[in-house]
Amino acid sequence: MKTLLRSQELTCPSCVAKIEKALKDVPGVEDAKVFFNTGRIEVQHDPAIAPSAKLVETVQAAGYKARVSAV
């Protein structure tokens, strides 16, 4: 499953690396891509192991606000 998240707090490329690493460390996450210029975060994951709420919590634990996005 692919879940889209949004974060408006991305201020530098190191933010991207930090969020991608945090998400990829979550069991059930297959891939995570963060797009610095748009604040878009795409996460490919198994929803039974890594539900959307867990993804948002992970981004928040890394120090950034996030929310699930429809587009």
PDB file of N, CA and C in Angstrom:
ATOM      1  N   MET A   1       0.838  -1.172   0.000  1.00  0.00           N
ATOM      2  CA  MET A   1       0.000   0.000   0.000  1.00  0.00           C
ATOM      3  C   MET A   1       0.886   1.240   0.000  1.00  0.00           C
ATOM      4  N   LYS A   2       0.424   2.279  -0.692  1.00  0.00           N
ATOM      5  CA  LYS A   2       1.149   3.548  -0.686  1.00  0.00           C
ATOM      6  C   LYS A   2       0.329   4.562   0.098  1.00  0.00           C
ATOM      7  N   THR A   3       0.988   5.224   1.051  1.00  0.00           N
ATOM      8  CA  THR A   3       0.357   6.288   1.831  1.00  0.00           C
ATOM      9  C   THR A   3       1.117   7.576   1.572  1.00  0.00           C
ATOM     10  N   LEU A   4       0.354   8.644   1.400  1.00  0.00           N
ATOM     11  CA  LEU A   4       0.957   9.958   1.195  1.00  0.00           C
ATOM     12  C   LEU A   4       0.813  10.771   2.468  1.00  0.00           C
ATOM     13  N   LEU A   5       1.907  11.376   2.879  1.00  0.00           N
ATOM     14  CA  LEU A   5       1.922  12.263   4.026  1.00  0.00           C
ATOM     15  C   LEU A   5       2.366  13.635   3.552  1.00  0.00           C
ATOM     16  N   ARG A   6       2.076  14.646   4.341  1.00  0.00           N
ATOM     17  CA  ARG A   6       2.537  16.009   4.063  1.00  0.00           C
ATOM     18  C   ARG A   6       3.206  16.579   5.295  1.00  0.00           C
ATOM     19  N   SER A   7       4.250  17.344   5.065  1.00  0.00           N
ATOM     20  CA  SER A   7       4.916  18.080   6.137  1.00  0.00           C
ATOM     21  C   SER A   7       5.368  19.412   5.562  1.00  0.00           C
ATOM     22  N   GLN A   8       5.022  20.480   6.225  1.00  0.00           N
ATOM     23  CA  GLN A   8       5.410  21.813   5.757  1.00  0.00           C
ATOM     24  C   GLN A   8       6.653  22.322   6.474  1.00  0.00           C
ATOM     25  N   GLU A   9       7.299  21.461   7.228  1.00  0.00           N
ATOM     26  CA  GLU A   9       8.442  21.892   8.035  1.00  0.00           C
ATOM     27  C   GLU A   9       9.792  21.494   7.450  1.00  0.00           C
ATOM     28  N   LEU A  10       9.838  21.069   6.238  1.00  0.00           N
ATOM     29  CA  LEU A  10      11.102  20.637   5.651  1.00  0.00           C
ATOM     30  C   LEU A  10      11.882  21.868   5.201  1.00  0.00           C
ATOM     31  N   THR A  11      13.015  22.087   5.853  1.00  0.00           N
ATOM     32  CA  THR A  11      13.787  23.305   5.575  1.00  0.00           C
ATOM     33  C   THR A  11      15.133  23.039   4.922  1.00  0.00           C
ATOM     34  N   CYS A  12      15.547  21.753   4.862  1.00  0.00           N
ATOM     35  CA  CYS A  12      16.865  21.466   4.287  1.00  0.00           C
ATOM     36  C   CYS A  12      16.933  19.998   3.851  1.00  0.00           C
ATOM     37  N   PRO A  13      17.901  19.679   3.004  1.00  0.00           N
ATOM     38  CA  PRO A  13      18.049  18.296   2.547  1.00  0.00           C
ATOM     39  C   PRO A  13      18.308  17.298   3.675  1.00  0.00           C
ATOM     40  N   SER A  14      18.895  17.748   4.773  1.00  0.00           N
ATOM     41  CA  SER A  14      19.128  16.804   5.871  1.00  0.00           C
ATOM     42  C   SER A  14      17.806  16.383   6.519  1.00  0.00           C
ATOM     43  N   CYS A  15      16.793  17.236   6.432  1.00  0.00           N
ATOM     44  CA  CYS A  15      15.452  16.858   6.920  1.00  0.00           C
ATOM     45  C   CYS A  15      14.951  15.652   6.137  1.00  0.00           C
ATOM     46  N   VAL A  16      15.152  15.681   4.841  1.00  0.00           N
ATOM     47  CA  VAL A  16      14.730  14.595   3.970  1.00  0.00           C
ATOM     48  C   VAL A  16      15.395  13.291   4.399  1.00  0.00           C
ATOM     49  N   ALA A  17      16.691  13.325   4.568  1.00  0.00           N
ATOM     50  CA  ALA A  17      17.429  12.117   4.941  1.00  0.00           C
ATOM     51  C   ALA A  17      16.983  11.591   6.302  1.00  0.00           C
ATOM     52  N   LYS A  18      16.763  12.491   7.243  1.00  0.00           N
ATOM     53  CA  LYS A  18      16.360  12.090   8.591  1.00  0.00           C
ATOM     54  C   LYS A  18      14.992  11.398   8.576  1.00  0.00           C
ATOM     55  N   ILE A  19      14.040  11.964   7.846  1.00  0.00           N
ATOM     56  CA  ILE A  19      12.695  11.386   7.777  1.00  0.00           C
ATOM     57  C   ILE A  19      12.714  10.068   7.011  1.00  0.00           C
ATOM     58  N   GLU A  20      13.400  10.026   5.886  1.00  0.00           N
ATOM     59  CA  GLU A  20      13.471   8.781   5.118  1.00  0.00           C
ATOM     60  C   GLU A  20      14.068   7.648   5.950  1.00  0.00           C
ATOM     61  N   LYS A  21      15.136   7.935   6.670  1.00  0.00           N
ATOM     62  CA  LYS A  21      15.769   6.903   7.484  1.00  0.00           C
ATOM     63  C   LYS A  21      14.822   6.426   8.585  1.00  0.00           C
ATOM     64  N   ALA A  22      14.177   7.368   9.263  1.00  0.00           N
ATOM     65  CA  ALA A  22      13.252   7.007  10.344  1.00  0.00           C
ATOM     66  C   ALA A  22      12.127   6.118   9.820  1.00  0.00           C
ATOM     67  N   LEU A  23      11.560   6.470   8.673  1.00  0.00           N
ATOM     68  CA  LEU A  23      10.459   5.683   8.123  1.00  0.00           C
ATOM     69  C   LEU A  23      10.934   4.309   7.651  1.00  0.00           C
ATOM     70  N   LYS A  24      12.094   4.255   7.018  1.00  0.00           N
ATOM     71  CA  LYS A  24      12.601   2.972   6.528  1.00  0.00           C
ATOM     72  C   LYS A  24      12.966   2.023   7.660  1.00  0.00           C
ATOM     73  N   ASP A  25      13.182   2.557   8.860  1.00  0.00           N
ATOM     74  CA  ASP A  25      13.480   1.723  10.025  1.00  0.00           C
ATOM     75  C   ASP A  25      12.223   1.114  10.656  1.00  0.00           C
ATOM     76  N   VAL A  26      11.051   1.556  10.239  1.00  0.00           N
ATOM     77  CA  VAL A  26       9.794   1.034  10.784  1.00  0.00           C
ATOM     78  C   VAL A  26       9.512  -0.330  10.154  1.00  0.00           C
ATOM     79  N   PRO A  27       9.282  -1.361  10.960  1.00  0.00           N
ATOM     80  CA  PRO A  27       8.929  -2.668  10.406  1.00  0.00           C
ATOM     81  C   PRO A  27       7.673  -2.545   9.531  1.00  0.00           C
ATOM     82  N   GLY A  28       7.725  -3.158   8.368  1.00  0.00           N
ATOM     83  CA  GLY A  28       6.595  -3.116   7.440  1.00  0.00           C
ATOM     84  C   GLY A  28       6.724  -2.053   6.363  1.00  0.00           C
ATOM     85  N   VAL A  29       7.670  -1.125   6.528  1.00  0.00           N
ATOM     86  CA  VAL A  29       7.891  -0.093   5.507  1.00  0.00           C
ATOM     87  C   VAL A  29       8.882  -0.635   4.487  1.00  0.00           C
ATOM     88  N   GLU A  30       8.452  -0.636   3.238  1.00  0.00           N
ATOM     89  CA  GLU A  30       9.293  -1.126   2.146  1.00  0.00           C
ATOM     90  C   GLU A  30      10.142  -0.013   1.541  1.00  0.00           C
ATOM     91  N   ASP A  31       9.561   1.203   1.455  1.00  0.00           N
ATOM     92  CA  ASP A  31      10.292   2.324   0.869  1.00  0.00           C
ATOM     93  C   ASP A  31       9.656   3.629   1.340  1.00  0.00           C
ATOM     94  N   ALA A  32      10.455   4.661   1.401  1.00  0.00           N
ATOM     95  CA  ALA A  32       9.969   5.992   1.766  1.00  0.00           C
ATOM     96  C   ALA A  32      10.735   7.019   0.949  1.00  0.00           C
ATOM     97  N   LYS A  33       9.989   7.951   0.357  1.00  0.00           N
ATOM     98  CA  LYS A  33      10.597   9.019  -0.427  1.00  0.00           C
ATOM     99  C   LYS A  33      10.024  10.343   0.053  1.00  0.00           C
ATOM    100  N   VAL A  34      10.914  11.272   0.341  1.00  0.00           N
ATOM    101  CA  VAL A  34      10.516  12.595   0.806  1.00  0.00           C
ATOM    102  C   VAL A  34      10.909  13.603  -0.265  1.00  0.00           C
ATOM    103  N   PHE A  35       9.963  14.460  -0.620  1.00  0.00           N
ATOM    104  CA  PHE A  35      10.195  15.478  -1.635  1.00  0.00           C
ATOM    105  C   PHE A  35      10.263  16.836  -0.941  1.00  0.00           C
ATOM    106  N   PHE A  36      11.483  17.313  -0.788  1.00  0.00           N
ATOM    107  CA  PHE A  36      11.791  18.525  -0.033  1.00  0.00           C
ATOM    108  C   PHE A  36      10.993  19.735  -0.509  1.00  0.00           C
ATOM    109  N   ASN A  37      10.932  19.960  -1.792  1.00  0.00           N
ATOM    110  CA  ASN A  37      10.326  21.178  -2.325  1.00  0.00           C
ATOM    111  C   ASN A  37       8.809  21.228  -2.179  1.00  0.00           C
ATOM    112  N   THR A  38       8.144  20.073  -2.027  1.00  0.00           N
ATOM    113  CA  THR A  38       6.684  20.055  -1.913  1.00  0.00           C
ATOM    114  C   THR A  38       6.189  19.617  -0.539  1.00  0.00           C
ATOM    115  N   GLY A  39       7.066  19.058   0.274  1.00  0.00           N
ATOM    116  CA  GLY A  39       6.651  18.550   1.573  1.00  0.00           C
ATOM    117  C   GLY A  39       5.914  17.227   1.487  1.00  0.00           C
ATOM    118  N   ARG A  40       5.971  16.606   0.334  1.00  0.00           N
ATOM    119  CA  ARG A  40       5.272  15.340   0.099  1.00  0.00           C
ATOM    120  C   ARG A  40       6.147  14.170   0.553  1.00  0.00           C
ATOM    121  N   ILE A  41       5.518  13.223   1.243  1.00  0.00           N
ATOM    122  CA  ILE A  41       6.207  12.028   1.714  1.00  0.00           C
ATOM    123  C   ILE A  41       5.422  10.826   1.221  1.00  0.00           C
ATOM    124  N   GLU A  42       6.058   9.978   0.420  1.00  0.00           N
ATOM    125  CA  GLU A  42       5.417   8.772  -0.105  1.00  0.00           C
ATOM    126  C   GLU A  42       6.002   7.569   0.606  1.00  0.00           C
ATOM    127  N   VAL A  43       5.118   6.753   1.179  1.00  0.00           N
ATOM    128  CA  VAL A  43       5.574   5.590   1.925  1.00  0.00           C
ATOM    129  C   VAL A  43       4.895   4.340   1.381  1.00  0.00           C
ATOM    130  N   GLN A  44       5.692   3.396   0.943  1.00  0.00           N
ATOM    131  CA  GLN A  44       5.208   2.087   0.508  1.00  0.00           C
ATOM    132  C   GLN A  44       5.329   1.165   1.717  1.00  0.00           C
ATOM    133  N   HIS A  45       4.193   0.585   2.159  1.00  0.00           N
ATOM    134  CA  HIS A  45       4.229  -0.174   3.407  1.00  0.00           C
ATOM    135  C   HIS A  45       3.121  -1.217   3.476  1.00  0.00           C
ATOM    136  N   ASP A  46       3.272  -2.119   4.420  1.00  0.00           N
ATOM    137  CA  ASP A  46       2.249  -3.109   4.735  1.00  0.00           C
ATOM    138  C   ASP A  46       1.384  -2.492   5.828  1.00  0.00           C
ATOM    139  N   PRO A  47       0.117  -2.168   5.542  1.00  0.00           N
ATOM    140  CA  PRO A  47      -0.715  -1.486   6.532  1.00  0.00           C
ATOM    141  C   PRO A  47      -1.017  -2.329   7.771  1.00  0.00           C
ATOM    142  N   ALA A  48      -0.897  -3.639   7.667  1.00  0.00           N
ATOM    143  CA  ALA A  48      -1.132  -4.500   8.829  1.00  0.00           C
ATOM    144  C   ALA A  48       0.011  -4.388   9.834  1.00  0.00           C
ATOM    145  N   ILE A  49       1.202  -4.116   9.342  1.00  0.00           N
ATOM    146  CA  ILE A  49       2.383  -4.014  10.205  1.00  0.00           C
ATOM    147  C   ILE A  49       2.696  -2.553  10.534  1.00  0.00           C
ATOM    148  N   ALA A  50       2.556  -1.686   9.556  1.00  0.00           N
ATOM    149  CA  ALA A  50       2.871  -0.264   9.715  1.00  0.00           C
ATOM    150  C   ALA A  50       1.669   0.571   9.262  1.00  0.00           C
ATOM    151  N   PRO A  51       0.673   0.755  10.139  1.00  0.00           N
ATOM    152  CA  PRO A  51      -0.499   1.563   9.748  1.00  0.00           C
ATOM    153  C   PRO A  51      -0.126   3.036   9.565  1.00  0.00           C
ATOM    154  N   SER A  52      -0.977   3.775   8.882  1.00  0.00           N
ATOM    155  CA  SER A  52      -0.724   5.190   8.600  1.00  0.00           C
ATOM    156  C   SER A  52      -0.442   5.990   9.858  1.00  0.00           C
ATOM    157  N   ALA A  53      -1.159   5.701  10.930  1.00  0.00           N
ATOM    158  CA  ALA A  53      -0.941   6.429  12.187  1.00  0.00           C
ATOM    159  C   ALA A  53       0.491   6.240  12.687  1.00  0.00           C
ATOM    160  N   LYS A  54       1.034   5.056  12.516  1.00  0.00           N
ATOM    161  CA  LYS A  54       2.418   4.779  12.928  1.00  0.00           C
ATOM    162  C   LYS A  54       3.401   5.597  12.086  1.00  0.00           C
ATOM    163  N   LEU A  55       3.089   5.772  10.815  1.00  0.00           N
ATOM    164  CA  LEU A  55       3.956   6.561   9.937  1.00  0.00           C
ATOM    165  C   LEU A  55       3.988   8.018  10.388  1.00  0.00           C
ATOM    166  N   VAL A  56       2.824   8.567  10.697  1.00  0.00           N
ATOM    167  CA  VAL A  56       2.741   9.949  11.177  1.00  0.00           C
ATOM    168  C   VAL A  56       3.509  10.082  12.485  1.00  0.00           C
ATOM    169  N   GLU A  57       3.315   9.143  13.404  1.00  0.00           N
ATOM    170  CA  GLU A  57       4.030   9.165  14.684  1.00  0.00           C
ATOM    171  C   GLU A  57       5.542   9.132  14.476  1.00  0.00           C
ATOM    172  N   THR A  58       5.988   8.357  13.512  1.00  0.00           N
ATOM    173  CA  THR A  58       7.421   8.234  13.242  1.00  0.00           C
ATOM    174  C   THR A  58       8.001   9.563  12.755  1.00  0.00           C
ATOM    175  N   VAL A  59       7.297  10.234  11.863  1.00  0.00           N
ATOM    176  CA  VAL A  59       7.760  11.538  11.374  1.00  0.00           C
ATOM    177  C   VAL A  59       7.770  12.545  12.531  1.00  0.00           C
ATOM    178  N   GLN A  60       6.748  12.492  13.363  1.00  0.00           N
ATOM    179  CA  GLN A  60       6.687  13.404  14.504  1.00  0.00           C
ATOM    180  C   GLN A  60       7.815  13.122  15.493  1.00  0.00           C
ATOM    181  N   ALA A  61       8.121  11.853  15.717  1.00  0.00           N
ATOM    182  CA  ALA A  61       9.213  11.485  16.619  1.00  0.00           C
ATOM    183  C   ALA A  61      10.559  11.970  16.078  1.00  0.00           C
ATOM    184  N   ALA A  62      10.659  12.100  14.747  1.00  0.00           N
ATOM    185  CA  ALA A  62      11.888  12.613  14.131  1.00  0.00           C
ATOM    186  C   ALA A  62      11.979  14.132  14.249  1.00  0.00           C
ATOM    187  N   GLY A  63      10.888  14.761  14.737  1.00  0.00           N
ATOM    188  CA  GLY A  63      10.921  16.195  14.968  1.00  0.00           C
ATOM    189  C   GLY A  63      10.157  17.051  13.979  1.00  0.00           C
ATOM    190  N   TYR A  64       9.269  16.451  13.198  1.00  0.00           N
ATOM    191  CA  TYR A  64       8.535  17.190  12.169  1.00  0.00           C
ATOM    192  C   TYR A  64       7.049  16.900  12.268  1.00  0.00           C
ATOM    193  N   LYS A  65       6.235  17.905  11.991  1.00  0.00           N
ATOM    194  CA  LYS A  65       4.807  17.698  11.945  1.00  0.00           C
ATOM    195  C   LYS A  65       4.480  16.968  10.641  1.00  0.00           C
ATOM    196  N   ALA A  66       3.457  16.125  10.691  1.00  0.00           N
ATOM    197  CA  ALA A  66       3.043  15.407   9.480  1.00  0.00           C
ATOM    198  C   ALA A  66       1.572  15.077   9.588  1.00  0.00           C
ATOM    199  N   ARG A  67       0.953  14.885   8.430  1.00  0.00           N
ATOM    200  CA  ARG A  67      -0.435  14.444   8.388  1.00  0.00           C
ATOM    201  C   ARG A  67      -0.629  13.586   7.148  1.00  0.00           C
ATOM    202  N   VAL A  68      -1.623  12.727   7.195  1.00  0.00           N
ATOM    203  CA  VAL A  68      -1.964  11.914   6.039  1.00  0.00           C
ATOM    204  C   VAL A  68      -2.603  12.830   5.018  1.00  0.00           C
ATOM    205  N   SER A  69      -2.251  12.657   3.754  1.00  0.00           N
ATOM    206  CA  SER A  69      -2.755  13.495   2.678  1.00  0.00           C
ATOM    207  C   SER A  69      -3.444  12.643   1.626  1.00  0.00           C
ATOM    208  N   ALA A  70      -4.521  13.185   1.053  1.00  0.00           N
ATOM    209  CA  ALA A  70      -5.237  12.466  -0.004  1.00  0.00           C
ATOM    210  C   ALA A  70      -4.512  12.584  -1.345  1.00  0.00           C
ATOM    211  N   VAL A  71      -3.775  13.666  -1.540  1.00  0.00           N
ATOM    212  CA  VAL A  71      -3.037  13.863  -2.795  1.00  0.00           C
ATOM    213  C   VAL A  71      -1.648  14.379  -2.535  1.00  0.00           C
TER     214      VAL A  71
END
